[in-house]
Amino acid sequence: FKENCLEEKHAKAEELRKLRDYINEL
């Protein structure tokens, strides 16, 4: 079990969501 694994997953998911929103805006 790795510490902060869920935090990193949430951070990556949030970053991916922002990128998708930015692509949709473009």
mmCIF file of all heavy atoms, coordinates in Angstrom:
data_MODEL
# 
_entry.id   MODEL 
# 
loop_
_atom_site.group_PDB 
_atom_site.id 
_atom_site.type_symbol 
_atom_site.label_atom_id 
_atom_site.label_alt_id 
_atom_site.label_comp_id 
_atom_site.label_asym_id 
_atom_site.label_entity_id 
_atom_site.label_seq_id 
_atom_site.pdbx_PDB_ins_code 
_atom_site.Cartn_x 
_atom_site.Cartn_y 
_atom_site.Cartn_z 
_atom_site.occupancy 
_atom_site.B_iso_or_equiv 
_atom_site.pdbx_formal_charge 
_atom_site.auth_seq_id 
_atom_site.auth_comp_id 
_atom_site.auth_asym_id 
_atom_site.auth_atom_id 
_atom_site.pdbx_PDB_model_num 
ATOM 1   N N   . PHE A 1 1  ? 0.854   -1.189 0.000   1.00 0.00 ? 1  PHE A N   1 
ATOM 2   C CA  . PHE A 1 1  ? 0.000   0.000  0.000   1.00 0.00 ? 1  PHE A CA  1 
ATOM 3   C C   . PHE A 1 1  ? 0.882   1.228  0.000   1.00 0.00 ? 1  PHE A C   1 
ATOM 4   O O   . PHE A 1 1  ? 1.728   1.380  0.857   1.00 0.00 ? 1  PHE A O   1 
ATOM 5   C CB  . PHE A 1 1  ? -0.893  0.009  1.246   1.00 0.00 ? 1  PHE A CB  1 
ATOM 6   C CG  . PHE A 1 1  ? -1.914  1.104  1.215   1.00 0.00 ? 1  PHE A CG  1 
ATOM 7   C CD1 . PHE A 1 1  ? -3.141  0.897  0.622   1.00 0.00 ? 1  PHE A CD1 1 
ATOM 8   C CD2 . PHE A 1 1  ? -1.645  2.350  1.761   1.00 0.00 ? 1  PHE A CD2 1 
ATOM 9   C CE1 . PHE A 1 1  ? -4.075  1.897  0.590   1.00 0.00 ? 1  PHE A CE1 1 
ATOM 10  C CE2 . PHE A 1 1  ? -2.571  3.348  1.734   1.00 0.00 ? 1  PHE A CE2 1 
ATOM 11  C CZ  . PHE A 1 1  ? -3.794  3.110  1.150   1.00 0.00 ? 1  PHE A CZ  1 
ATOM 12  N N   . LYS A 1 2  ? 0.659   2.097  -0.966  1.00 0.00 ? 2  LYS A N   1 
ATOM 13  C CA  . LYS A 1 2  ? 1.490   3.292  -1.097  1.00 0.00 ? 2  LYS A CA  1 
ATOM 14  C C   . LYS A 1 2  ? 0.786   4.485  -0.488  1.00 0.00 ? 2  LYS A C   1 
ATOM 15  O O   . LYS A 1 2  ? -0.406  4.681  -0.712  1.00 0.00 ? 2  LYS A O   1 
ATOM 16  C CB  . LYS A 1 2  ? 1.771   3.557  -2.571  1.00 0.00 ? 2  LYS A CB  1 
ATOM 17  C CG  . LYS A 1 2  ? 2.658   4.768  -2.812  1.00 0.00 ? 2  LYS A CG  1 
ATOM 18  C CD  . LYS A 1 2  ? 2.882   4.985  -4.289  1.00 0.00 ? 2  LYS A CD  1 
ATOM 19  C CE  . LYS A 1 2  ? 3.729   6.209  -4.514  1.00 0.00 ? 2  LYS A CE  1 
ATOM 20  N NZ  . LYS A 1 2  ? 3.944   6.470  -5.954  1.00 0.00 ? 2  LYS A NZ  1 
ATOM 21  N N   . GLU A 1 3  ? 1.507   5.264  0.223   1.00 0.00 ? 3  GLU A N   1 
ATOM 22  C CA  . GLU A 1 3  ? 0.948   6.463  0.836   1.00 0.00 ? 3  GLU A CA  1 
ATOM 23  C C   . GLU A 1 3  ? 0.651   7.516  -0.234  1.00 0.00 ? 3  GLU A C   1 
ATOM 24  O O   . GLU A 1 3  ? 1.370   7.650  -1.208  1.00 0.00 ? 3  GLU A O   1 
ATOM 25  C CB  . GLU A 1 3  ? 1.963   7.027  1.839   1.00 0.00 ? 3  GLU A CB  1 
ATOM 26  C CG  . GLU A 1 3  ? 1.448   8.268  2.563   1.00 0.00 ? 3  GLU A CG  1 
ATOM 27  C CD  . GLU A 1 3  ? 2.524   8.926  3.399   1.00 0.00 ? 3  GLU A CD  1 
ATOM 28  O OE1 . GLU A 1 3  ? 3.676   8.493  3.306   1.00 0.00 ? 3  GLU A OE1 1 
ATOM 29  O OE2 . GLU A 1 3  ? 2.197   9.872  4.096   1.00 0.00 ? 3  GLU A OE2 1 
ATOM 30  N N   . ASN A 1 4  ? -0.484  8.152  -0.031  1.00 0.00 ? 4  ASN A N   1 
ATOM 31  C CA  . ASN A 1 4  ? -0.930  9.221  -0.934  1.00 0.00 ? 4  ASN A CA  1 
ATOM 32  C C   . ASN A 1 4  ? -1.271  8.710  -2.342  1.00 0.00 ? 4  ASN A C   1 
ATOM 33  O O   . ASN A 1 4  ? -1.262  9.469  -3.311  1.00 0.00 ? 4  ASN A O   1 
ATOM 34  C CB  . ASN A 1 4  ? 0.112   10.325 -1.065  1.00 0.00 ? 4  ASN A CB  1 
ATOM 35  C CG  . ASN A 1 4  ? 0.411   11.000 0.263   1.00 0.00 ? 4  ASN A CG  1 
ATOM 36  O OD1 . ASN A 1 4  ? -0.446  11.056 1.145   1.00 0.00 ? 4  ASN A OD1 1 
ATOM 37  N ND2 . ASN A 1 4  ? 1.626   11.504 0.391   1.00 0.00 ? 4  ASN A ND2 1 
ATOM 38  N N   . CYS A 1 5  ? -1.553  7.421  -2.474  1.00 0.00 ? 5  CYS A N   1 
ATOM 39  C CA  . CYS A 1 5  ? -1.903  6.873  -3.797  1.00 0.00 ? 5  CYS A CA  1 
ATOM 40  C C   . CYS A 1 5  ? -3.227  7.458  -4.276  1.00 0.00 ? 5  CYS A C   1 
ATOM 41  O O   . CYS A 1 5  ? -3.354  7.836  -5.431  1.00 0.00 ? 5  CYS A O   1 
ATOM 42  C CB  . CYS A 1 5  ? -1.987  5.353  -3.716  1.00 0.00 ? 5  CYS A CB  1 
ATOM 43  S SG  . CYS A 1 5  ? -2.405  4.577  -5.293  1.00 0.00 ? 5  CYS A SG  1 
ATOM 44  N N   . LEU A 1 6  ? -4.214  7.527  -3.394  1.00 0.00 ? 6  LEU A N   1 
ATOM 45  C CA  . LEU A 1 6  ? -5.515  8.067  -3.779  1.00 0.00 ? 6  LEU A CA  1 
ATOM 46  C C   . LEU A 1 6  ? -5.419  9.559  -4.091  1.00 0.00 ? 6  LEU A C   1 
ATOM 47  O O   . LEU A 1 6  ? -6.101  10.072 -4.977  1.00 0.00 ? 6  LEU A O   1 
ATOM 48  C CB  . LEU A 1 6  ? -6.534  7.821  -2.671  1.00 0.00 ? 6  LEU A CB  1 
ATOM 49  C CG  . LEU A 1 6  ? -6.868  6.351  -2.387  1.00 0.00 ? 6  LEU A CG  1 
ATOM 50  C CD1 . LEU A 1 6  ? -7.842  6.259  -1.223  1.00 0.00 ? 6  LEU A CD1 1 
ATOM 51  C CD2 . LEU A 1 6  ? -7.482  5.719  -3.626  1.00 0.00 ? 6  LEU A CD2 1 
ATOM 52  N N   . GLU A 1 7  ? -4.559  10.251 -3.350  1.00 0.00 ? 7  GLU A N   1 
ATOM 53  C CA  . GLU A 1 7  ? -4.392  11.682 -3.612  1.00 0.00 ? 7  GLU A CA  1 
ATOM 54  C C   . GLU A 1 7  ? -3.818  11.918 -5.007  1.00 0.00 ? 7  GLU A C   1 
ATOM 55  O O   . GLU A 1 7  ? -4.270  12.799 -5.734  1.00 0.00 ? 7  GLU A O   1 
ATOM 56  C CB  . GLU A 1 7  ? -3.467  12.295 -2.563  1.00 0.00 ? 7  GLU A CB  1 
ATOM 57  C CG  . GLU A 1 7  ? -4.085  12.372 -1.171  1.00 0.00 ? 7  GLU A CG  1 
ATOM 58  C CD  . GLU A 1 7  ? -3.161  13.069 -0.196  1.00 0.00 ? 7  GLU A CD  1 
ATOM 59  O OE1 . GLU A 1 7  ? -2.050  13.457 -0.624  1.00 0.00 ? 7  GLU A OE1 1 
ATOM 60  O OE2 . GLU A 1 7  ? -3.548  13.237 0.972   1.00 0.00 ? 7  GLU A OE2 1 
ATOM 61  N N   . GLU A 1 8  ? -2.829  11.092 -5.377  1.00 0.00 ? 8  GLU A N   1 
ATOM 62  C CA  . GLU A 1 8  ? -2.247  11.246 -6.695  1.00 0.00 ? 8  GLU A CA  1 
ATOM 63  C C   . GLU A 1 8  ? -3.259  10.910 -7.783  1.00 0.00 ? 8  GLU A C   1 
ATOM 64  O O   . GLU A 1 8  ? -3.314  11.559 -8.835  1.00 0.00 ? 8  GLU A O   1 
ATOM 65  C CB  . GLU A 1 8  ? -1.015  10.351 -6.832  1.00 0.00 ? 8  GLU A CB  1 
ATOM 66  C CG  . GLU A 1 8  ? 0.137   10.797 -5.952  1.00 0.00 ? 8  GLU A CG  1 
ATOM 67  C CD  . GLU A 1 8  ? 1.367   9.943  -6.182  1.00 0.00 ? 8  GLU A CD  1 
ATOM 68  O OE1 . GLU A 1 8  ? 1.293   9.044  -7.048  1.00 0.00 ? 8  GLU A OE1 1 
ATOM 69  O OE2 . GLU A 1 8  ? 2.383   10.172 -5.517  1.00 0.00 ? 8  GLU A OE2 1 
ATOM 70  N N   . LYS A 1 9  ? -4.084  9.898  -7.545  1.00 0.00 ? 9  LYS A N   1 
ATOM 71  C CA  . LYS A 1 9  ? -5.111  9.546  -8.526  1.00 0.00 ? 9  LYS A CA  1 
ATOM 72  C C   . LYS A 1 9  ? -6.116  10.678 -8.699  1.00 0.00 ? 9  LYS A C   1 
ATOM 73  O O   . LYS A 1 9  ? -6.500  11.029 -9.808  1.00 0.00 ? 9  LYS A O   1 
ATOM 74  C CB  . LYS A 1 9  ? -5.832  8.264  -8.105  1.00 0.00 ? 9  LYS A CB  1 
ATOM 75  C CG  . LYS A 1 9  ? -5.011  7.012  -8.299  1.00 0.00 ? 9  LYS A CG  1 
ATOM 76  C CD  . LYS A 1 9  ? -5.824  5.775  -7.939  1.00 0.00 ? 9  LYS A CD  1 
ATOM 77  C CE  . LYS A 1 9  ? -5.015  4.513  -8.179  1.00 0.00 ? 9  LYS A CE  1 
ATOM 78  N NZ  . LYS A 1 9  ? -5.790  3.295  -7.832  1.00 0.00 ? 9  LYS A NZ  1 
ATOM 79  N N   . HIS A 1 10 ? -6.525  11.259 -7.566  1.00 0.00 ? 10 HIS A N   1 
ATOM 80  C CA  . HIS A 1 10 ? -7.448  12.389 -7.641  1.00 0.00 ? 10 HIS A CA  1 
ATOM 81  C C   . HIS A 1 10 ? -6.819  13.586 -8.344  1.00 0.00 ? 10 HIS A C   1 
ATOM 82  O O   . HIS A 1 10 ? -7.477  14.291 -9.126  1.00 0.00 ? 10 HIS A O   1 
ATOM 83  C CB  . HIS A 1 10 ? -7.912  12.782 -6.238  1.00 0.00 ? 10 HIS A CB  1 
ATOM 84  C CG  . HIS A 1 10 ? -8.860  11.802 -5.614  1.00 0.00 ? 10 HIS A CG  1 
ATOM 85  N ND1 . HIS A 1 10 ? -9.991  11.352 -6.256  1.00 0.00 ? 10 HIS A ND1 1 
ATOM 86  C CD2 . HIS A 1 10 ? -8.830  11.183 -4.396  1.00 0.00 ? 10 HIS A CD2 1 
ATOM 87  C CE1 . HIS A 1 10 ? -10.633 10.499 -5.478  1.00 0.00 ? 10 HIS A CE1 1 
ATOM 88  N NE2 . HIS A 1 10 ? -9.954  10.368 -4.346  1.00 0.00 ? 10 HIS A NE2 1 
ATOM 89  N N   . ALA A 1 11 ? -5.538  13.823 -8.064  1.00 0.00 ? 11 ALA A N   1 
ATOM 90  C CA  . ALA A 1 11 ? -4.855  14.950 -8.700  1.00 0.00 ? 11 ALA A CA  1 
ATOM 91  C C   . ALA A 1 11 ? -4.737  14.742 -10.212 1.00 0.00 ? 11 ALA A C   1 
ATOM 92  O O   . ALA A 1 11 ? -4.976  15.662 -11.004 1.00 0.00 ? 11 ALA A O   1 
ATOM 93  C CB  . ALA A 1 11 ? -3.471  15.146 -8.086  1.00 0.00 ? 11 ALA A CB  1 
ATOM 94  N N   . LYS A 1 12 ? -4.408  13.499 -10.607 1.00 0.00 ? 12 LYS A N   1 
ATOM 95  C CA  . LYS A 1 12 ? -4.316  13.210 -12.041 1.00 0.00 ? 12 LYS A CA  1 
ATOM 96  C C   . LYS A 1 12 ? -5.678  13.321 -12.717 1.00 0.00 ? 12 LYS A C   1 
ATOM 97  O O   . LYS A 1 12 ? -5.796  13.813 -13.830 1.00 0.00 ? 12 LYS A O   1 
ATOM 98  C CB  . LYS A 1 12 ? -3.725  11.823 -12.254 1.00 0.00 ? 12 LYS A CB  1 
ATOM 99  C CG  . LYS A 1 12 ? -2.254  11.723 -11.890 1.00 0.00 ? 12 LYS A CG  1 
ATOM 100 C CD  . LYS A 1 12 ? -1.724  10.330 -12.148 1.00 0.00 ? 12 LYS A CD  1 
ATOM 101 C CE  . LYS A 1 12 ? -0.232  10.241 -11.804 1.00 0.00 ? 12 LYS A CE  1 
ATOM 102 N NZ  . LYS A 1 12 ? 0.298   8.879  -12.030 1.00 0.00 ? 12 LYS A NZ  1 
ATOM 103 N N   . ALA A 1 13 ? -6.706  12.831 -12.018 1.00 0.00 ? 13 ALA A N   1 
ATOM 104 C CA  . ALA A 1 13 ? -8.059  12.932 -12.582 1.00 0.00 ? 13 ALA A CA  1 
ATOM 105 C C   . ALA A 1 13 ? -8.482  14.390 -12.729 1.00 0.00 ? 13 ALA A C   1 
ATOM 106 O O   . ALA A 1 13 ? -9.106  14.776 -13.728 1.00 0.00 ? 13 ALA A O   1 
ATOM 107 C CB  . ALA A 1 13 ? -9.046  12.169 -11.701 1.00 0.00 ? 13 ALA A CB  1 
ATOM 108 N N   . GLU A 1 14 ? -8.139  15.212 -11.751 1.00 0.00 ? 14 GLU A N   1 
ATOM 109 C CA  . GLU A 1 14 ? -8.474  16.633 -11.830 1.00 0.00 ? 14 GLU A CA  1 
ATOM 110 C C   . GLU A 1 14 ? -7.718  17.326 -12.963 1.00 0.00 ? 14 GLU A C   1 
ATOM 111 O O   . GLU A 1 14 ? -8.274  18.147 -13.708 1.00 0.00 ? 14 GLU A O   1 
ATOM 112 C CB  . GLU A 1 14 ? -8.148  17.311 -10.495 1.00 0.00 ? 14 GLU A CB  1 
ATOM 113 C CG  . GLU A 1 14 ? -8.529  18.777 -10.422 1.00 0.00 ? 14 GLU A CG  1 
ATOM 114 C CD  . GLU A 1 14 ? -10.027 18.997 -10.453 1.00 0.00 ? 14 GLU A CD  1 
ATOM 115 O OE1 . GLU A 1 14 ? -10.786 18.034 -10.172 1.00 0.00 ? 14 GLU A OE1 1 
ATOM 116 O OE2 . GLU A 1 14 ? -10.442 20.120 -10.784 1.00 0.00 ? 14 GLU A OE2 1 
ATOM 117 N N   . GLU A 1 15 ? -6.444  16.970 -13.100 1.00 0.00 ? 15 GLU A N   1 
ATOM 118 C CA  . GLU A 1 15 ? -5.648  17.546 -14.188 1.00 0.00 ? 15 GLU A CA  1 
ATOM 119 C C   . GLU A 1 15 ? -6.185  17.115 -15.546 1.00 0.00 ? 15 GLU A C   1 
ATOM 120 O O   . GLU A 1 15 ? -6.273  17.911 -16.487 1.00 0.00 ? 15 GLU A O   1 
ATOM 121 C CB  . GLU A 1 15 ? -4.192  17.110 -14.030 1.00 0.00 ? 15 GLU A CB  1 
ATOM 122 C CG  . GLU A 1 15 ? -3.264  17.743 -15.064 1.00 0.00 ? 15 GLU A CG  1 
ATOM 123 C CD  . GLU A 1 15 ? -1.819  17.309 -14.865 1.00 0.00 ? 15 GLU A CD  1 
ATOM 124 O OE1 . GLU A 1 15 ? -1.554  16.536 -13.918 1.00 0.00 ? 15 GLU A OE1 1 
ATOM 125 O OE2 . GLU A 1 15 ? -0.977  17.737 -15.669 1.00 0.00 ? 15 GLU A OE2 1 
ATOM 126 N N   . LEU A 1 16 ? -6.588  15.838 -15.645 1.00 0.00 ? 16 LEU A N   1 
ATOM 127 C CA  . LEU A 1 16 ? -7.157  15.339 -16.904 1.00 0.00 ? 16 LEU A CA  1 
ATOM 128 C C   . LEU A 1 16 ? -8.480  16.038 -17.223 1.00 0.00 ? 16 LEU A C   1 
ATOM 129 O O   . LEU A 1 16 ? -8.761  16.369 -18.384 1.00 0.00 ? 16 LEU A O   1 
ATOM 130 C CB  . LEU A 1 16 ? -7.368  13.824 -16.801 1.00 0.00 ? 16 LEU A CB  1 
ATOM 131 C CG  . LEU A 1 16 ? -7.916  13.126 -18.051 1.00 0.00 ? 16 LEU A CG  1 
ATOM 132 C CD1 . LEU A 1 16 ? -6.943  13.297 -19.212 1.00 0.00 ? 16 LEU A CD1 1 
ATOM 133 C CD2 . LEU A 1 16 ? -8.147  11.642 -17.773 1.00 0.00 ? 16 LEU A CD2 1 
ATOM 134 N N   . ARG A 1 17 ? -9.276  16.274 -16.174 1.00 0.00 ? 17 ARG A N   1 
ATOM 135 C CA  . ARG A 1 17 ? -10.545 16.971 -16.395 1.00 0.00 ? 17 ARG A CA  1 
ATOM 136 C C   . ARG A 1 17 ? -10.305 18.399 -16.890 1.00 0.00 ? 17 ARG A C   1 
ATOM 137 O O   . ARG A 1 17 ? -10.994 18.885 -17.793 1.00 0.00 ? 17 ARG A O   1 
ATOM 138 C CB  . ARG A 1 17 ? -11.349 16.991 -15.103 1.00 0.00 ? 17 ARG A CB  1 
ATOM 139 C CG  . ARG A 1 17 ? -12.752 17.597 -15.241 1.00 0.00 ? 17 ARG A CG  1 
ATOM 140 C CD  . ARG A 1 17 ? -13.409 17.723 -13.896 1.00 0.00 ? 17 ARG A CD  1 
ATOM 141 N NE  . ARG A 1 17 ? -12.690 18.648 -13.039 1.00 0.00 ? 17 ARG A NE  1 
ATOM 142 C CZ  . ARG A 1 17 ? -12.784 19.974 -13.116 1.00 0.00 ? 17 ARG A CZ  1 
ATOM 143 N NH1 . ARG A 1 17 ? -13.584 20.526 -14.027 1.00 0.00 ? 17 ARG A NH1 1 
ATOM 144 N NH2 . ARG A 1 17 ? -12.100 20.753 -12.323 1.00 0.00 ? 17 ARG A NH2 1 
ATOM 145 N N   . LYS A 1 18 ? -9.315  19.086 -16.321 1.00 0.00 ? 18 LYS A N   1 
ATOM 146 C CA  . LYS A 1 18 ? -8.995  20.439 -16.755 1.00 0.00 ? 18 LYS A CA  1 
ATOM 147 C C   . LYS A 1 18 ? -8.520  20.467 -18.208 1.00 0.00 ? 18 LYS A C   1 
ATOM 148 O O   . LYS A 1 18 ? -8.889  21.348 -18.994 1.00 0.00 ? 18 LYS A O   1 
ATOM 149 C CB  . LYS A 1 18 ? -7.938  21.056 -15.845 1.00 0.00 ? 18 LYS A CB  1 
ATOM 150 C CG  . LYS A 1 18 ? -8.442  21.352 -14.437 1.00 0.00 ? 18 LYS A CG  1 
ATOM 151 C CD  . LYS A 1 18 ? -7.346  21.981 -13.603 1.00 0.00 ? 18 LYS A CD  1 
ATOM 152 C CE  . LYS A 1 18 ? -7.851  22.312 -12.190 1.00 0.00 ? 18 LYS A CE  1 
ATOM 153 N NZ  . LYS A 1 18 ? -6.787  22.910 -11.350 1.00 0.00 ? 18 LYS A NZ  1 
ATOM 154 N N   . LEU A 1 19 ? -7.699  19.475 -18.569 1.00 0.00 ? 19 LEU A N   1 
ATOM 155 C CA  . LEU A 1 19 ? -7.226  19.405 -19.948 1.00 0.00 ? 19 LEU A CA  1 
ATOM 156 C C   . LEU A 1 19 ? -8.375  19.166 -20.919 1.00 0.00 ? 19 LEU A C   1 
ATOM 157 O O   . LEU A 1 19 ? -8.428  19.752 -22.006 1.00 0.00 ? 19 LEU A O   1 
ATOM 158 C CB  . LEU A 1 19 ? -6.185  18.291 -20.089 1.00 0.00 ? 19 LEU A CB  1 
ATOM 159 C CG  . LEU A 1 19 ? -4.828  18.551 -19.421 1.00 0.00 ? 19 LEU A CG  1 
ATOM 160 C CD1 . LEU A 1 19 ? -3.927  17.325 -19.545 1.00 0.00 ? 19 LEU A CD1 1 
ATOM 161 C CD2 . LEU A 1 19 ? -4.145  19.755 -20.052 1.00 0.00 ? 19 LEU A CD2 1 
ATOM 162 N N   . ARG A 1 20 ? -9.306  18.285 -20.510 1.00 0.00 ? 20 ARG A N   1 
ATOM 163 C CA  . ARG A 1 20 ? -10.454 18.038 -21.384 1.00 0.00 ? 20 ARG A CA  1 
ATOM 164 C C   . ARG A 1 20 ? -11.321 19.292 -21.534 1.00 0.00 ? 20 ARG A C   1 
ATOM 165 O O   . ARG A 1 20 ? -11.794 19.603 -22.636 1.00 0.00 ? 20 ARG A O   1 
ATOM 166 C CB  . ARG A 1 20 ? -11.287 16.890 -20.823 1.00 0.00 ? 20 ARG A CB  1 
ATOM 167 C CG  . ARG A 1 20 ? -10.628 15.519 -21.004 1.00 0.00 ? 20 ARG A CG  1 
ATOM 168 C CD  . ARG A 1 20 ? -11.457 14.433 -20.352 1.00 0.00 ? 20 ARG A CD  1 
ATOM 169 N NE  . ARG A 1 20 ? -10.845 13.122 -20.562 1.00 0.00 ? 20 ARG A NE  1 
ATOM 170 C CZ  . ARG A 1 20 ? -11.287 11.999 -19.997 1.00 0.00 ? 20 ARG A CZ  1 
ATOM 171 N NH1 . ARG A 1 20 ? -12.351 12.045 -19.193 1.00 0.00 ? 20 ARG A NH1 1 
ATOM 172 N NH2 . ARG A 1 20 ? -10.688 10.849 -20.243 1.00 0.00 ? 20 ARG A NH2 1 
ATOM 173 N N   . ASP A 1 21 ? -11.515 20.001 -20.440 1.00 0.00 ? 21 ASP A N   1 
ATOM 174 C CA  . ASP A 1 21 ? -12.281 21.254 -20.520 1.00 0.00 ? 21 ASP A CA  1 
ATOM 175 C C   . ASP A 1 21 ? -11.587 22.269 -21.414 1.00 0.00 ? 21 ASP A C   1 
ATOM 176 O O   . ASP A 1 21 ? -12.238 22.986 -22.209 1.00 0.00 ? 21 ASP A O   1 
ATOM 177 C CB  . ASP A 1 21 ? -12.484 21.849 -19.118 1.00 0.00 ? 21 ASP A CB  1 
ATOM 178 C CG  . ASP A 1 21 ? -13.360 20.967 -18.244 1.00 0.00 ? 21 ASP A CG  1 
ATOM 179 O OD1 . ASP A 1 21 ? -14.087 20.121 -18.806 1.00 0.00 ? 21 ASP A OD1 1 
ATOM 180 O OD2 . ASP A 1 21 ? -13.317 21.129 -17.001 1.00 0.00 ? 21 ASP A OD2 1 
ATOM 181 N N   . TYR A 1 22 ? -10.272 22.338 -21.299 1.00 0.00 ? 22 TYR A N   1 
ATOM 182 C CA  . TYR A 1 22 ? -9.521  23.265 -22.135 1.00 0.00 ? 22 TYR A CA  1 
ATOM 183 C C   . TYR A 1 22 ? -9.609  22.891 -23.616 1.00 0.00 ? 22 TYR A C   1 
ATOM 184 O O   . TYR A 1 22 ? -9.762  23.750 -24.490 1.00 0.00 ? 22 TYR A O   1 
ATOM 185 C CB  . TYR A 1 22 ? -8.060  23.285 -21.691 1.00 0.00 ? 22 TYR A CB  1 
ATOM 186 C CG  . TYR A 1 22 ? -7.181  24.258 -22.435 1.00 0.00 ? 22 TYR A CG  1 
ATOM 187 C CD1 . TYR A 1 22 ? -7.378  25.635 -22.322 1.00 0.00 ? 22 TYR A CD1 1 
ATOM 188 C CD2 . TYR A 1 22 ? -6.158  23.801 -23.264 1.00 0.00 ? 22 TYR A CD2 1 
ATOM 189 C CE1 . TYR A 1 22 ? -6.576  26.532 -23.012 1.00 0.00 ? 22 TYR A CE1 1 
ATOM 190 C CE2 . TYR A 1 22 ? -5.350  24.692 -23.952 1.00 0.00 ? 22 TYR A CE2 1 
ATOM 191 C CZ  . TYR A 1 22 ? -5.567  26.054 -23.824 1.00 0.00 ? 22 TYR A CZ  1 
ATOM 192 O OH  . TYR A 1 22 ? -4.777  26.942 -24.501 1.00 0.00 ? 22 TYR A OH  1 
ATOM 193 N N   . ILE A 1 23 ? -9.549  21.577 -23.887 1.00 0.00 ? 23 ILE A N   1 
ATOM 194 C CA  . ILE A 1 23 ? -9.683  21.116 -25.279 1.00 0.00 ? 23 ILE A CA  1 
ATOM 195 C C   . ILE A 1 23 ? -11.072 21.438 -25.816 1.00 0.00 ? 23 ILE A C   1 
ATOM 196 O O   . ILE A 1 23 ? -11.230 21.881 -26.961 1.00 0.00 ? 23 ILE A O   1 
ATOM 197 C CB  . ILE A 1 23 ? -9.380  19.609 -25.364 1.00 0.00 ? 23 ILE A CB  1 
ATOM 198 C CG1 . ILE A 1 23 ? -7.891  19.352 -25.074 1.00 0.00 ? 23 ILE A CG1 1 
ATOM 199 C CG2 . ILE A 1 23 ? -9.772  19.049 -26.727 1.00 0.00 ? 23 ILE A CG2 1 
ATOM 200 C CD1 . ILE A 1 23 ? -7.531  17.893 -24.973 1.00 0.00 ? 23 ILE A CD1 1 
ATOM 201 N N   . ASN A 1 24 ? -12.102 21.212 -25.002 1.00 0.00 ? 24 ASN A N   1 
ATOM 202 C CA  . ASN A 1 24 ? -13.465 21.536 -25.437 1.00 0.00 ? 24 ASN A CA  1 
ATOM 203 C C   . ASN A 1 24 ? -13.631 23.028 -25.712 1.00 0.00 ? 24 ASN A C   1 
ATOM 204 O O   . ASN A 1 24 ? -14.298 23.430 -26.675 1.00 0.00 ? 24 ASN A O   1 
ATOM 205 C CB  . ASN A 1 24 ? -14.475 21.080 -24.382 1.00 0.00 ? 24 ASN A CB  1 
ATOM 206 C CG  . ASN A 1 24 ? -14.531 19.571 -24.249 1.00 0.00 ? 24 ASN A CG  1 
ATOM 207 O OD1 . ASN A 1 24 ? -14.222 18.851 -25.206 1.00 0.00 ? 24 ASN A OD1 1 
ATOM 208 N ND2 . ASN A 1 24 ? -14.917 19.081 -23.084 1.00 0.00 ? 24 ASN A ND2 1 
ATOM 209 N N   . GLU A 1 25 ? -13.009 23.840 -24.857 1.00 0.00 ? 25 GLU A N   1 
ATOM 210 C CA  . GLU A 1 25 ? -13.085 25.291 -25.069 1.00 0.00 ? 25 GLU A CA  1 
ATOM 211 C C   . GLU A 1 25 ? -12.399 25.704 -26.369 1.00 0.00 ? 25 GLU A C   1 
ATOM 212 O O   . GLU A 1 25 ? -12.914 26.532 -27.121 1.00 0.00 ? 25 GLU A O   1 
ATOM 213 C CB  . GLU A 1 25 ? -12.437 26.002 -23.882 1.00 0.00 ? 25 GLU A CB  1 
ATOM 214 C CG  . GLU A 1 25 ? -12.540 27.515 -23.936 1.00 0.00 ? 25 GLU A CG  1 
ATOM 215 C CD  . GLU A 1 25 ? -11.887 28.177 -22.740 1.00 0.00 ? 25 GLU A CD  1 
ATOM 216 O OE1 . GLU A 1 25 ? -11.419 27.440 -21.830 1.00 0.00 ? 25 GLU A OE1 1 
ATOM 217 O OE2 . GLU A 1 25 ? -11.825 29.412 -22.716 1.00 0.00 ? 25 GLU A OE2 1 
ATOM 218 N N   . LEU A 1 26 ? -11.234 25.093 -26.641 1.00 0.00 ? 26 LEU A N   1 
ATOM 219 C CA  . LEU A 1 26 ? -10.538 25.400 -27.892 1.00 0.00 ? 26 LEU A CA  1 
ATOM 220 C C   . LEU A 1 26 ? -11.326 24.932 -29.103 1.00 0.00 ? 26 LEU A C   1 
ATOM 221 O O   . LEU A 1 26 ? -11.353 25.610 -30.138 1.00 0.00 ? 26 LEU A O   1 
ATOM 222 C CB  . LEU A 1 26 ? -9.155  24.739 -27.892 1.00 0.00 ? 26 LEU A CB  1 
ATOM 223 C CG  . LEU A 1 26 ? -8.131  25.292 -26.890 1.00 0.00 ? 26 LEU A CG  1 
ATOM 224 C CD1 . LEU A 1 26 ? -6.826  24.523 -27.001 1.00 0.00 ? 26 LEU A CD1 1 
ATOM 225 C CD2 . LEU A 1 26 ? -7.887  26.782 -27.134 1.00 0.00 ? 26 LEU A CD2 1 
# 
